[in-house]
Amino acid sequence: MDATVVLVGVVIGIGIFGFPPLVAQHAGSEAMYIALWCAGGLVMLVGALCYAELGSAYPGAGGEYLYLTRAWGPRVGLMFAWARCTVIQTGAIAVVAYIYADYAQRLMPLGAYGPAIHAAISVVALTALNIVGTRYSKRVQWVFTLLTLAALAAVLTASLTASGDALATAAPTPLAGSPAGLMGMGMVFVLLTYGGWNEAAYLSGELRNPDRNMSRVLLIGTVIVTGAYVLTNLALLEIFGLQGLRDTPALGADVMQLAAGPYAAALLSLTICATALSTINGTIITGARVYYALGRDVPRLHALAGWSARNETPVAALLAQGAITLVLVGLGAFSQNSVQTLVAYTAPVFWLFMLLVAASVWRLRQLDPDRPRPFRVPLYPLPPLLLGLTCAGLVYSSAVYAGAGALIGLAVLAAGIPMLRLLKPATLPD
């Protein structure tokens, strides 16, 4: 039960306050909208099963970097590190910064480019906080994390009492474009909301009897998360209707506005801002360590390995990460939908490497058959095959239908190919 609570707590976060409108923009009907959220729960379960086997067999630090390096070689591992630094991690920070900005702009309007300004301020302030010292950022993280559940509970409570007559529309506007492409992009946003299930890889080493209990943790955790998300989105459809949900960038505040008036909406907006800042701060903390590891392992990037012993923080890595993130915030400022553009930037690259992780389950069973695996994927090879096919579909959908943002992300990934020449031979732990 402890592990289940951890898994649920990792998955349920700021995404439920920002991504439902974007999912609705790619769903042709209310039934399709709910079906996407149910499908996301299935992908969460399948993906978590695959990560749990990898994590139980290779419990060392490094996560995907370690699995990819073992399965496909150090060059693929280095490309993943490059992608994580320039696209995946920094793109995730920028996406959440804009979700924060949508709510902050309601509390403190800063003009036409207000969301971009709020997003940039959050990145600069939290990067500076981490440079001052990890101990301070950890204290702030505690405060922000405690507010996350309070915000979600407030939205769910308000949903029970809010009347949607003012926002519900007669019928949703028909969507243009390929149905397959729309569903694919809708799933991209759904799975971002379900993000965090890969952390199951780090639970397997802590469980008693992981071969028996890991499947229980994943099944119970998936049922809880999927149930919470489906019920929440049914409530949102009841309040807003599908078209109203498409047009609502700050849905939590609007629910509270209907249920309890403008002061409650402002209070919830403030709470959601704190929740978003919690996610940004946590991602900055973990992301900077990837830059640090890259500088440590690649001699020509040694400058990134600078560490302040006094503040217990990788200063150079934080500065590099902050600079790249601000560039992406600037990219979002000149797009019609900042969050959607930045998700398009990260999605094809993220799902490409997730596809390789799914294939790593099969690859490592072939390369390292005698390795102890306290947890094995049930119904093998079906789960890694399903995850791989899902990832391949999401790579295609996000690359073909997501627009210029996806092409920029892929171009940045390709720019890392010359980095392979910097690689020195890698020695992996047993």
Protein backbone atom coordinates (compact mmCIF):
# COMPACT_ATOMS: atom_id res chain seq x y z
CA MET A 1 0.00 0.00 0.00
CA ASP A 2 2.90 2.37 0.68
CA ALA A 3 4.21 1.80 -2.85
CA THR A 4 0.73 2.30 -4.32
CA VAL A 5 0.39 5.64 -2.54
CA VAL A 6 3.79 6.73 -3.85
CA LEU A 7 2.89 5.76 -7.42
CA VAL A 8 -0.47 7.56 -7.29
CA GLY A 9 1.14 10.64 -5.73
CA VAL A 10 3.79 10.81 -8.47
CA VAL A 11 1.28 10.49 -11.34
CA ILE A 12 -1.47 12.86 -10.19
CA GLY A 13 -0.11 16.37 -10.55
CA ILE A 14 -0.42 19.69 -12.35
CA GLY A 15 -1.33 18.11 -15.71
CA ILE A 16 -4.96 17.56 -14.72
CA PHE A 17 -5.32 21.35 -14.38
CA GLY A 18 -3.79 22.13 -17.78
CA PHE A 19 -4.20 19.33 -20.32
CA PRO A 20 -7.95 18.46 -20.40
CA PRO A 21 -8.77 21.44 -22.70
CA LEU A 22 -6.03 20.32 -25.11
CA VAL A 23 -7.36 16.75 -25.09
CA ALA A 24 -10.86 18.12 -25.79
CA GLN A 25 -9.50 20.05 -28.78
CA HIS A 26 -8.53 16.71 -30.36
CA ALA A 27 -11.66 14.71 -29.44
CA GLY A 28 -14.55 14.70 -31.89
CA SER A 29 -17.14 13.70 -29.29
CA GLU A 30 -17.62 13.36 -25.56
CA ALA A 31 -17.46 9.57 -25.85
CA MET A 32 -14.11 9.82 -27.67
CA TYR A 33 -12.86 12.26 -25.03
CA ILE A 34 -13.56 9.80 -22.19
CA ALA A 35 -12.24 6.87 -24.26
CA LEU A 36 -8.89 8.66 -24.59
CA TRP A 37 -8.60 8.95 -20.82
CA CYS A 38 -9.46 5.26 -20.36
CA ALA A 39 -6.88 4.30 -22.99
CA GLY A 40 -4.31 6.38 -21.14
CA GLY A 41 -4.84 4.25 -18.06
CA LEU A 42 -4.21 1.09 -20.07
CA VAL A 43 -0.98 2.51 -21.49
CA MET A 44 0.06 3.54 -17.98
CA LEU A 45 -0.37 -0.05 -16.76
CA VAL A 46 1.47 -1.62 -19.70
CA GLY A 47 4.30 0.90 -19.53
CA ALA A 48 4.68 0.58 -15.77
CA LEU A 49 4.93 -3.22 -16.09
CA CYS A 50 7.80 -2.87 -18.57
CA TYR A 51 9.63 -0.30 -16.43
CA ALA A 52 9.15 -2.42 -13.34
CA GLU A 53 10.98 -5.36 -14.92
CA LEU A 54 13.84 -3.11 -16.04
CA GLY A 55 14.03 -1.43 -12.64
CA SER A 56 14.06 -4.70 -10.73
CA ALA A 57 16.83 -6.14 -12.91
CA TYR A 58 18.94 -2.95 -13.07
CA PRO A 59 18.17 -0.96 -9.93
CA GLY A 60 21.12 1.44 -10.22
CA ALA A 61 20.78 5.17 -10.71
CA GLY A 62 20.25 6.44 -14.22
CA GLY A 63 16.83 5.08 -15.19
CA GLU A 64 16.29 5.17 -18.96
CA TYR A 65 19.90 6.24 -19.58
CA LEU A 66 21.12 3.02 -17.95
CA TYR A 67 18.61 0.77 -19.73
CA LEU A 68 19.29 2.28 -23.16
CA THR A 69 23.05 2.13 -22.70
CA ARG A 70 22.93 -1.51 -21.67
CA ALA A 71 20.51 -2.54 -24.41
CA TRP A 72 21.68 -0.48 -27.38
CA GLY A 73 25.16 0.77 -26.50
CA PRO A 74 26.76 3.93 -25.09
CA ARG A 75 26.12 6.01 -28.21
CA VAL A 76 22.35 5.61 -27.84
CA GLY A 77 22.70 6.41 -24.15
CA LEU A 78 24.57 9.62 -25.00
CA MET A 79 21.93 10.63 -27.54
CA PHE A 80 19.27 10.13 -24.88
CA ALA A 81 21.24 12.34 -22.48
CA TRP A 82 21.49 15.00 -25.21
CA ALA A 83 17.76 14.74 -25.94
CA ARG A 84 16.86 14.93 -22.27
CA CYS A 85 18.98 18.05 -21.77
CA THR A 86 17.89 19.96 -24.87
CA VAL A 87 14.37 18.72 -25.60
CA ILE A 88 12.68 16.44 -23.07
CA GLN A 89 13.53 17.92 -19.66
CA THR A 90 13.77 21.57 -20.69
CA GLY A 91 10.62 21.21 -22.79
CA ALA A 92 8.78 19.75 -19.80
CA ILE A 93 9.87 22.67 -17.62
CA ALA A 94 8.68 25.17 -20.25
CA VAL A 95 5.31 23.39 -20.65
CA VAL A 96 4.57 23.50 -16.92
CA ALA A 97 5.82 27.10 -16.76
CA TYR A 98 3.12 28.05 -19.26
CA ILE A 99 0.44 26.14 -17.34
CA TYR A 100 1.53 28.16 -14.31
CA ALA A 101 1.45 31.32 -16.43
CA ASP A 102 -2.17 30.78 -17.54
CA TYR A 103 -3.27 30.96 -13.90
CA ALA A 104 -0.77 33.65 -12.86
CA GLN A 105 -1.99 35.86 -15.71
CA ARG A 106 -5.48 35.76 -14.20
CA LEU A 107 -4.16 36.94 -10.86
CA MET A 108 -1.73 39.52 -12.26
CA PRO A 109 -2.31 40.43 -15.93
CA LEU A 110 0.89 41.57 -17.69
CA GLY A 111 -0.41 42.38 -21.15
CA ALA A 112 -0.41 40.47 -24.41
CA TYR A 113 2.83 38.65 -23.61
CA GLY A 114 1.94 38.21 -19.95
CA PRO A 115 1.96 34.38 -19.99
CA ALA A 116 5.47 34.34 -21.49
CA ILE A 117 6.68 36.87 -18.91
CA HIS A 118 5.19 34.89 -16.03
CA ALA A 119 6.69 31.67 -17.41
CA ALA A 120 10.15 33.24 -17.76
CA ILE A 121 10.01 34.71 -14.24
CA SER A 122 9.18 31.31 -12.76
CA VAL A 123 12.11 29.65 -14.54
CA VAL A 124 14.59 32.38 -13.56
CA ALA A 125 13.41 32.55 -9.93
CA LEU A 126 13.46 28.81 -9.29
CA THR A 127 16.78 28.34 -11.07
CA ALA A 128 18.23 31.08 -8.88
CA LEU A 129 16.75 29.39 -5.80
CA ASN A 130 18.47 26.14 -6.69
CA ILE A 131 21.77 27.92 -7.31
CA VAL A 132 21.56 29.45 -3.83
CA GLY A 133 21.30 25.97 -2.37
CA THR A 134 19.54 22.64 -2.64
CA ARG A 135 18.45 22.75 0.99
CA TYR A 136 16.36 25.87 0.32
CA SER A 137 14.74 24.43 -2.80
CA LYS A 138 13.85 21.25 -0.88
CA ARG A 139 12.07 23.28 1.79
CA VAL A 140 10.07 25.15 -0.83
CA GLN A 141 9.27 21.84 -2.50
CA TRP A 142 7.68 20.54 0.71
CA VAL A 143 5.34 23.54 0.88
CA PHE A 144 4.37 23.35 -2.79
CA THR A 145 3.77 19.60 -2.68
CA LEU A 146 1.35 19.85 0.24
CA LEU A 147 -0.74 22.31 -1.76
CA THR A 148 -1.14 19.94 -4.74
CA LEU A 149 -3.70 17.62 -3.12
CA ALA A 150 -5.52 20.62 -1.67
CA ALA A 151 -5.99 22.08 -5.15
CA LEU A 152 -7.28 18.84 -6.67
CA ALA A 153 -9.65 18.26 -3.74
CA ALA A 154 -11.02 21.79 -4.16
CA VAL A 155 -11.73 21.27 -7.87
CA LEU A 156 -13.46 17.93 -7.27
CA THR A 157 -15.58 19.40 -4.45
CA ALA A 158 -16.52 22.42 -6.52
CA SER A 159 -17.44 20.17 -9.46
CA LEU A 160 -20.18 18.61 -7.34
CA THR A 161 -21.87 21.95 -6.73
CA ALA A 162 -21.08 24.00 -9.85
CA SER A 163 -23.73 24.65 -12.45
CA GLY A 164 -22.51 24.57 -16.02
CA ASP A 165 -25.46 26.42 -17.59
CA ALA A 166 -23.34 29.52 -18.22
CA LEU A 167 -20.57 27.64 -19.99
CA ALA A 168 -22.10 24.58 -21.63
CA THR A 169 -22.66 24.87 -25.38
CA ALA A 170 -25.27 23.21 -27.57
CA ALA A 171 -22.86 21.17 -29.67
CA PRO A 172 -19.10 20.95 -30.18
CA THR A 173 -17.63 22.41 -33.36
CA PRO A 174 -16.63 19.67 -35.86
CA LEU A 175 -12.87 19.17 -35.99
CA ALA A 176 -10.81 19.47 -39.14
CA GLY A 177 -8.05 17.01 -39.94
CA SER A 178 -7.41 13.28 -39.94
CA PRO A 179 -9.28 11.39 -37.19
CA ALA A 180 -6.21 9.20 -36.61
CA GLY A 181 -3.97 12.25 -36.28
CA LEU A 182 -6.39 13.95 -33.89
CA MET A 183 -6.63 10.84 -31.71
CA GLY A 184 -2.85 10.49 -31.72
CA MET A 185 -2.28 14.04 -30.54
CA GLY A 186 -5.08 13.68 -28.00
CA MET A 187 -3.27 10.65 -26.58
CA VAL A 188 -0.04 12.67 -26.37
CA PHE A 189 -1.75 15.11 -23.99
CA VAL A 190 -3.53 12.34 -22.07
CA LEU A 191 -0.28 10.48 -21.47
CA LEU A 192 1.44 13.67 -20.36
CA THR A 193 -1.25 13.91 -17.68
CA TYR A 194 -0.53 10.29 -16.74
CA GLY A 195 3.20 11.06 -16.71
CA GLY A 196 5.21 9.60 -13.87
CA TRP A 197 4.23 5.95 -14.18
CA ASN A 198 7.81 5.21 -15.26
CA GLU A 199 8.82 5.96 -11.67
CA ALA A 200 7.52 2.45 -10.92
CA ALA A 201 10.96 1.31 -12.04
CA TYR A 202 12.38 2.73 -8.82
CA LEU A 203 9.82 1.06 -6.55
CA SER A 204 10.69 -2.53 -7.41
CA GLY A 205 13.90 -2.56 -5.42
CA GLU A 206 12.10 -1.42 -2.26
CA LEU A 207 9.25 -3.93 -2.18
CA ARG A 208 8.98 -7.09 -0.20
CA ASN A 209 8.34 -10.02 -2.55
CA PRO A 210 8.45 -7.87 -5.71
CA ASP A 211 7.58 -10.80 -7.98
CA ARG A 212 4.19 -10.98 -6.26
CA ASN A 213 3.57 -7.43 -4.99
CA MET A 214 4.76 -5.36 -7.96
CA SER A 215 1.85 -6.42 -10.14
CA ARG A 216 -0.55 -5.60 -7.29
CA VAL A 217 0.94 -2.13 -6.84
CA LEU A 218 0.69 -1.38 -10.56
CA LEU A 219 -2.85 -2.71 -10.94
CA ILE A 220 -4.23 -0.94 -7.86
CA GLY A 221 -2.35 2.28 -8.66
CA THR A 222 -3.58 2.29 -12.27
CA VAL A 223 -7.20 1.72 -11.19
CA ILE A 224 -7.00 4.59 -8.68
CA VAL A 225 -5.38 7.05 -11.10
CA THR A 226 -7.60 6.13 -14.04
CA GLY A 227 -10.71 6.28 -11.88
CA ALA A 228 -9.76 9.70 -10.52
CA TYR A 229 -9.04 11.08 -13.99
CA VAL A 230 -12.15 9.62 -15.65
CA LEU A 231 -14.45 10.87 -12.86
CA THR A 232 -12.83 14.31 -12.91
CA ASN A 233 -13.27 14.58 -16.68
CA LEU A 234 -16.87 13.38 -16.55
CA ALA A 235 -17.51 16.18 -14.07
CA LEU A 236 -15.77 18.70 -16.34
CA LEU A 237 -17.90 17.61 -19.31
CA GLU A 238 -21.03 17.99 -17.19
CA ILE A 239 -20.02 21.53 -16.25
CA PHE A 240 -18.55 22.90 -19.47
CA GLY A 241 -19.64 20.60 -22.29
CA LEU A 242 -17.01 19.49 -24.80
CA GLN A 243 -16.80 22.83 -26.65
CA GLY A 244 -16.75 24.82 -23.42
CA LEU A 245 -13.91 22.64 -22.17
CA ARG A 246 -11.98 23.30 -25.39
CA ASP A 247 -12.26 27.05 -24.76
CA THR A 248 -11.28 27.02 -21.08
CA PRO A 249 -7.53 27.56 -20.53
CA ALA A 250 -7.78 27.78 -16.72
CA LEU A 251 -10.51 25.27 -15.97
CA GLY A 252 -9.86 24.96 -12.24
CA ALA A 253 -10.45 28.66 -11.72
CA ASP A 254 -13.60 28.59 -13.84
CA VAL A 255 -15.04 25.69 -11.83
CA MET A 256 -14.46 27.59 -8.60
CA GLN A 257 -15.89 30.77 -10.14
CA LEU A 258 -19.14 28.93 -10.83
CA ALA A 259 -19.25 27.14 -7.48
CA ALA A 260 -18.09 29.75 -5.00
CA GLY A 261 -17.46 33.07 -6.70
CA PRO A 262 -14.44 35.13 -7.77
CA TYR A 263 -12.59 35.06 -4.44
CA ALA A 264 -12.59 31.26 -4.37
CA ALA A 265 -11.46 31.22 -8.01
CA ALA A 266 -8.56 33.53 -7.16
CA LEU A 267 -7.61 31.39 -4.16
CA LEU A 268 -7.61 28.22 -6.23
CA SER A 269 -5.61 29.92 -8.98
CA LEU A 270 -3.02 30.82 -6.37
CA THR A 271 -2.97 27.23 -5.10
CA ILE A 272 -2.59 25.83 -8.62
CA CYS A 273 0.23 28.30 -9.25
CA ALA A 274 1.99 26.85 -6.21
CA THR A 275 1.33 23.33 -7.53
CA ALA A 276 2.86 24.23 -10.90
CA LEU A 277 5.87 25.84 -9.21
CA SER A 278 6.33 22.60 -7.27
CA THR A 279 6.53 20.64 -10.53
CA ILE A 280 8.88 23.18 -12.11
CA ASN A 281 11.15 23.20 -9.07
CA GLY A 282 11.29 19.40 -8.86
CA THR A 283 12.03 19.11 -12.57
CA ILE A 284 14.79 21.71 -12.32
CA ILE A 285 16.38 19.79 -9.45
CA THR A 286 16.39 16.44 -11.26
CA GLY A 287 17.11 17.83 -14.72
CA ALA A 288 20.27 19.66 -13.69
CA ARG A 289 21.75 16.39 -12.45
CA VAL A 290 21.57 15.03 -16.00
CA TYR A 291 23.71 17.92 -17.26
CA TYR A 292 26.09 17.31 -14.40
CA ALA A 293 26.38 13.60 -15.26
CA LEU A 294 26.94 14.44 -18.93
CA GLY A 295 29.77 16.81 -18.01
CA ARG A 296 31.27 14.18 -15.73
CA ASP A 297 31.19 11.43 -18.36
CA VAL A 298 32.20 13.43 -21.47
CA PRO A 299 35.59 15.18 -21.03
CA ARG A 300 34.90 17.94 -23.57
CA LEU A 301 31.76 18.92 -21.65
CA HIS A 302 33.57 18.99 -18.32
CA ALA A 303 32.42 22.56 -17.67
CA LEU A 304 28.92 21.23 -16.97
CA ALA A 305 30.28 19.16 -14.07
CA GLY A 306 30.98 22.17 -11.89
CA TRP A 307 29.66 21.59 -8.37
CA SER A 308 29.30 24.02 -5.48
CA ALA A 309 30.23 22.10 -2.34
CA ARG A 310 29.03 24.98 -0.18
CA ASN A 311 25.53 25.06 -1.67
CA GLU A 312 25.39 21.36 -2.61
CA THR A 313 24.25 22.19 -6.13
CA PRO A 314 25.53 21.89 -9.75
CA VAL A 315 25.70 25.58 -10.60
CA ALA A 316 26.95 25.29 -14.19
CA ALA A 317 24.35 22.65 -15.01
CA LEU A 318 21.55 24.80 -13.58
CA LEU A 319 22.67 27.80 -15.62
CA ALA A 320 22.82 25.77 -18.85
CA GLN A 321 19.42 24.22 -18.22
CA GLY A 322 17.87 27.59 -17.37
CA ALA A 323 19.25 29.21 -20.53
CA ILE A 324 17.86 26.48 -22.81
CA THR A 325 14.50 26.59 -21.05
CA LEU A 326 14.25 30.36 -21.53
CA VAL A 327 14.85 29.90 -25.25
CA LEU A 328 11.92 27.47 -25.33
CA VAL A 329 9.76 29.89 -23.34
CA GLY A 330 10.58 32.45 -26.04
CA LEU A 331 9.50 29.95 -28.71
CA GLY A 332 6.17 29.55 -26.95
CA ALA A 333 5.66 33.33 -26.77
CA PHE A 334 5.30 33.55 -30.55
CA SER A 335 2.85 30.70 -30.98
CA GLN A 336 -0.93 30.74 -30.82
CA ASN A 337 -1.03 28.03 -28.15
CA SER A 338 2.19 27.98 -26.14
CA VAL A 339 1.57 24.73 -24.27
CA GLN A 340 0.56 22.86 -27.42
CA THR A 341 3.62 24.12 -29.34
CA LEU A 342 6.02 23.07 -26.59
CA VAL A 343 4.37 19.68 -26.19
CA ALA A 344 4.79 19.21 -29.94
CA TYR A 345 8.47 20.12 -29.52
CA THR A 346 9.07 17.41 -26.93
CA ALA A 347 6.61 14.66 -27.93
CA PRO A 348 8.22 12.91 -30.95
CA VAL A 349 11.64 12.85 -29.29
CA PHE A 350 10.25 11.60 -25.97
CA TRP A 351 8.20 8.80 -27.56
CA LEU A 352 11.08 7.78 -29.83
CA PHE A 353 13.24 7.01 -26.80
CA MET A 354 10.27 5.45 -24.97
CA LEU A 355 9.95 3.11 -27.96
CA LEU A 356 13.60 2.11 -27.49
CA VAL A 357 12.99 1.54 -23.75
CA ALA A 358 10.06 -0.76 -24.57
CA ALA A 359 12.27 -2.71 -26.97
CA SER A 360 14.95 -2.86 -24.27
CA VAL A 361 12.81 -5.33 -22.29
CA TRP A 362 13.16 -7.82 -25.16
CA ARG A 363 16.74 -6.83 -26.00
CA LEU A 364 18.07 -7.25 -22.47
CA ARG A 365 16.38 -10.62 -22.07
CA GLN A 366 18.36 -11.71 -25.12
CA LEU A 367 21.67 -10.11 -24.11
CA ASP A 368 21.52 -10.84 -20.39
CA PRO A 369 19.30 -13.91 -19.90
CA ASP A 370 20.88 -14.96 -16.59
CA ARG A 371 20.32 -11.61 -14.90
CA PRO A 372 18.10 -11.96 -11.79
CA ARG A 373 14.74 -10.33 -12.46
CA PRO A 374 12.72 -10.13 -9.22
CA PHE A 375 9.77 -8.92 -11.29
CA ARG A 376 9.00 -10.21 -14.76
CA VAL A 377 6.43 -8.72 -17.12
CA PRO A 378 3.37 -10.99 -17.15
CA LEU A 379 2.12 -12.23 -20.55
CA TYR A 380 5.53 -11.49 -22.07
CA PRO A 381 6.14 -10.41 -24.84
CA LEU A 382 2.69 -8.80 -25.19
CA PRO A 383 3.15 -5.77 -22.84
CA PRO A 384 6.45 -4.50 -24.35
CA LEU A 385 5.01 -5.11 -27.84
CA LEU A 386 1.87 -3.10 -27.03
CA LEU A 387 3.95 -0.31 -25.49
CA GLY A 388 6.28 -0.27 -28.48
CA LEU A 389 3.41 -0.08 -30.98
CA THR A 390 1.77 2.70 -28.96
CA CYS A 391 5.02 4.66 -28.85
CA ALA A 392 5.54 4.20 -32.60
CA GLY A 393 2.04 5.54 -33.25
CA LEU A 394 2.65 8.52 -30.98
CA VAL A 395 5.98 9.29 -32.67
CA TYR A 396 4.23 9.29 -36.04
CA SER A 397 1.22 11.33 -34.87
CA SER A 398 3.27 13.94 -33.05
CA ALA A 399 5.80 14.28 -35.89
CA VAL A 400 3.26 14.49 -38.73
CA TYR A 401 0.33 16.31 -37.16
CA ALA A 402 1.86 18.53 -34.48
CA GLY A 403 3.32 21.19 -36.78
CA ALA A 404 6.55 23.15 -36.70
CA GLY A 405 7.23 22.55 -33.02
CA ALA A 406 7.74 18.82 -33.64
CA LEU A 407 10.12 19.48 -36.52
CA ILE A 408 12.19 21.83 -34.36
CA GLY A 409 12.46 19.19 -31.63
CA LEU A 410 13.60 16.55 -34.12
CA ALA A 411 16.12 19.00 -35.62
CA VAL A 412 17.59 19.66 -32.17
CA LEU A 413 17.87 15.90 -31.62
CA ALA A 414 19.68 15.53 -34.96
CA ALA A 415 22.04 18.35 -33.98
CA GLY A 416 23.30 16.08 -31.21
CA ILE A 417 24.64 13.46 -33.64
CA PRO A 418 28.07 15.16 -33.81
CA MET A 419 28.14 14.76 -30.01
CA LEU A 420 28.79 11.06 -30.53
CA ARG A 421 32.40 11.87 -31.38
CA LEU A 422 32.85 13.20 -27.86
CA LEU A 423 32.00 9.84 -26.32
CA LYS A 424 34.62 7.91 -24.42
CA PRO A 425 34.25 4.17 -23.77
CA ALA A 426 31.66 3.59 -21.06
CA THR A 427 31.95 1.15 -18.19
CA LEU A 428 28.62 0.09 -16.77
CA PRO A 429 28.08 -1.15 -13.22
CA ASP A 430 27.19 -4.77 -12.67
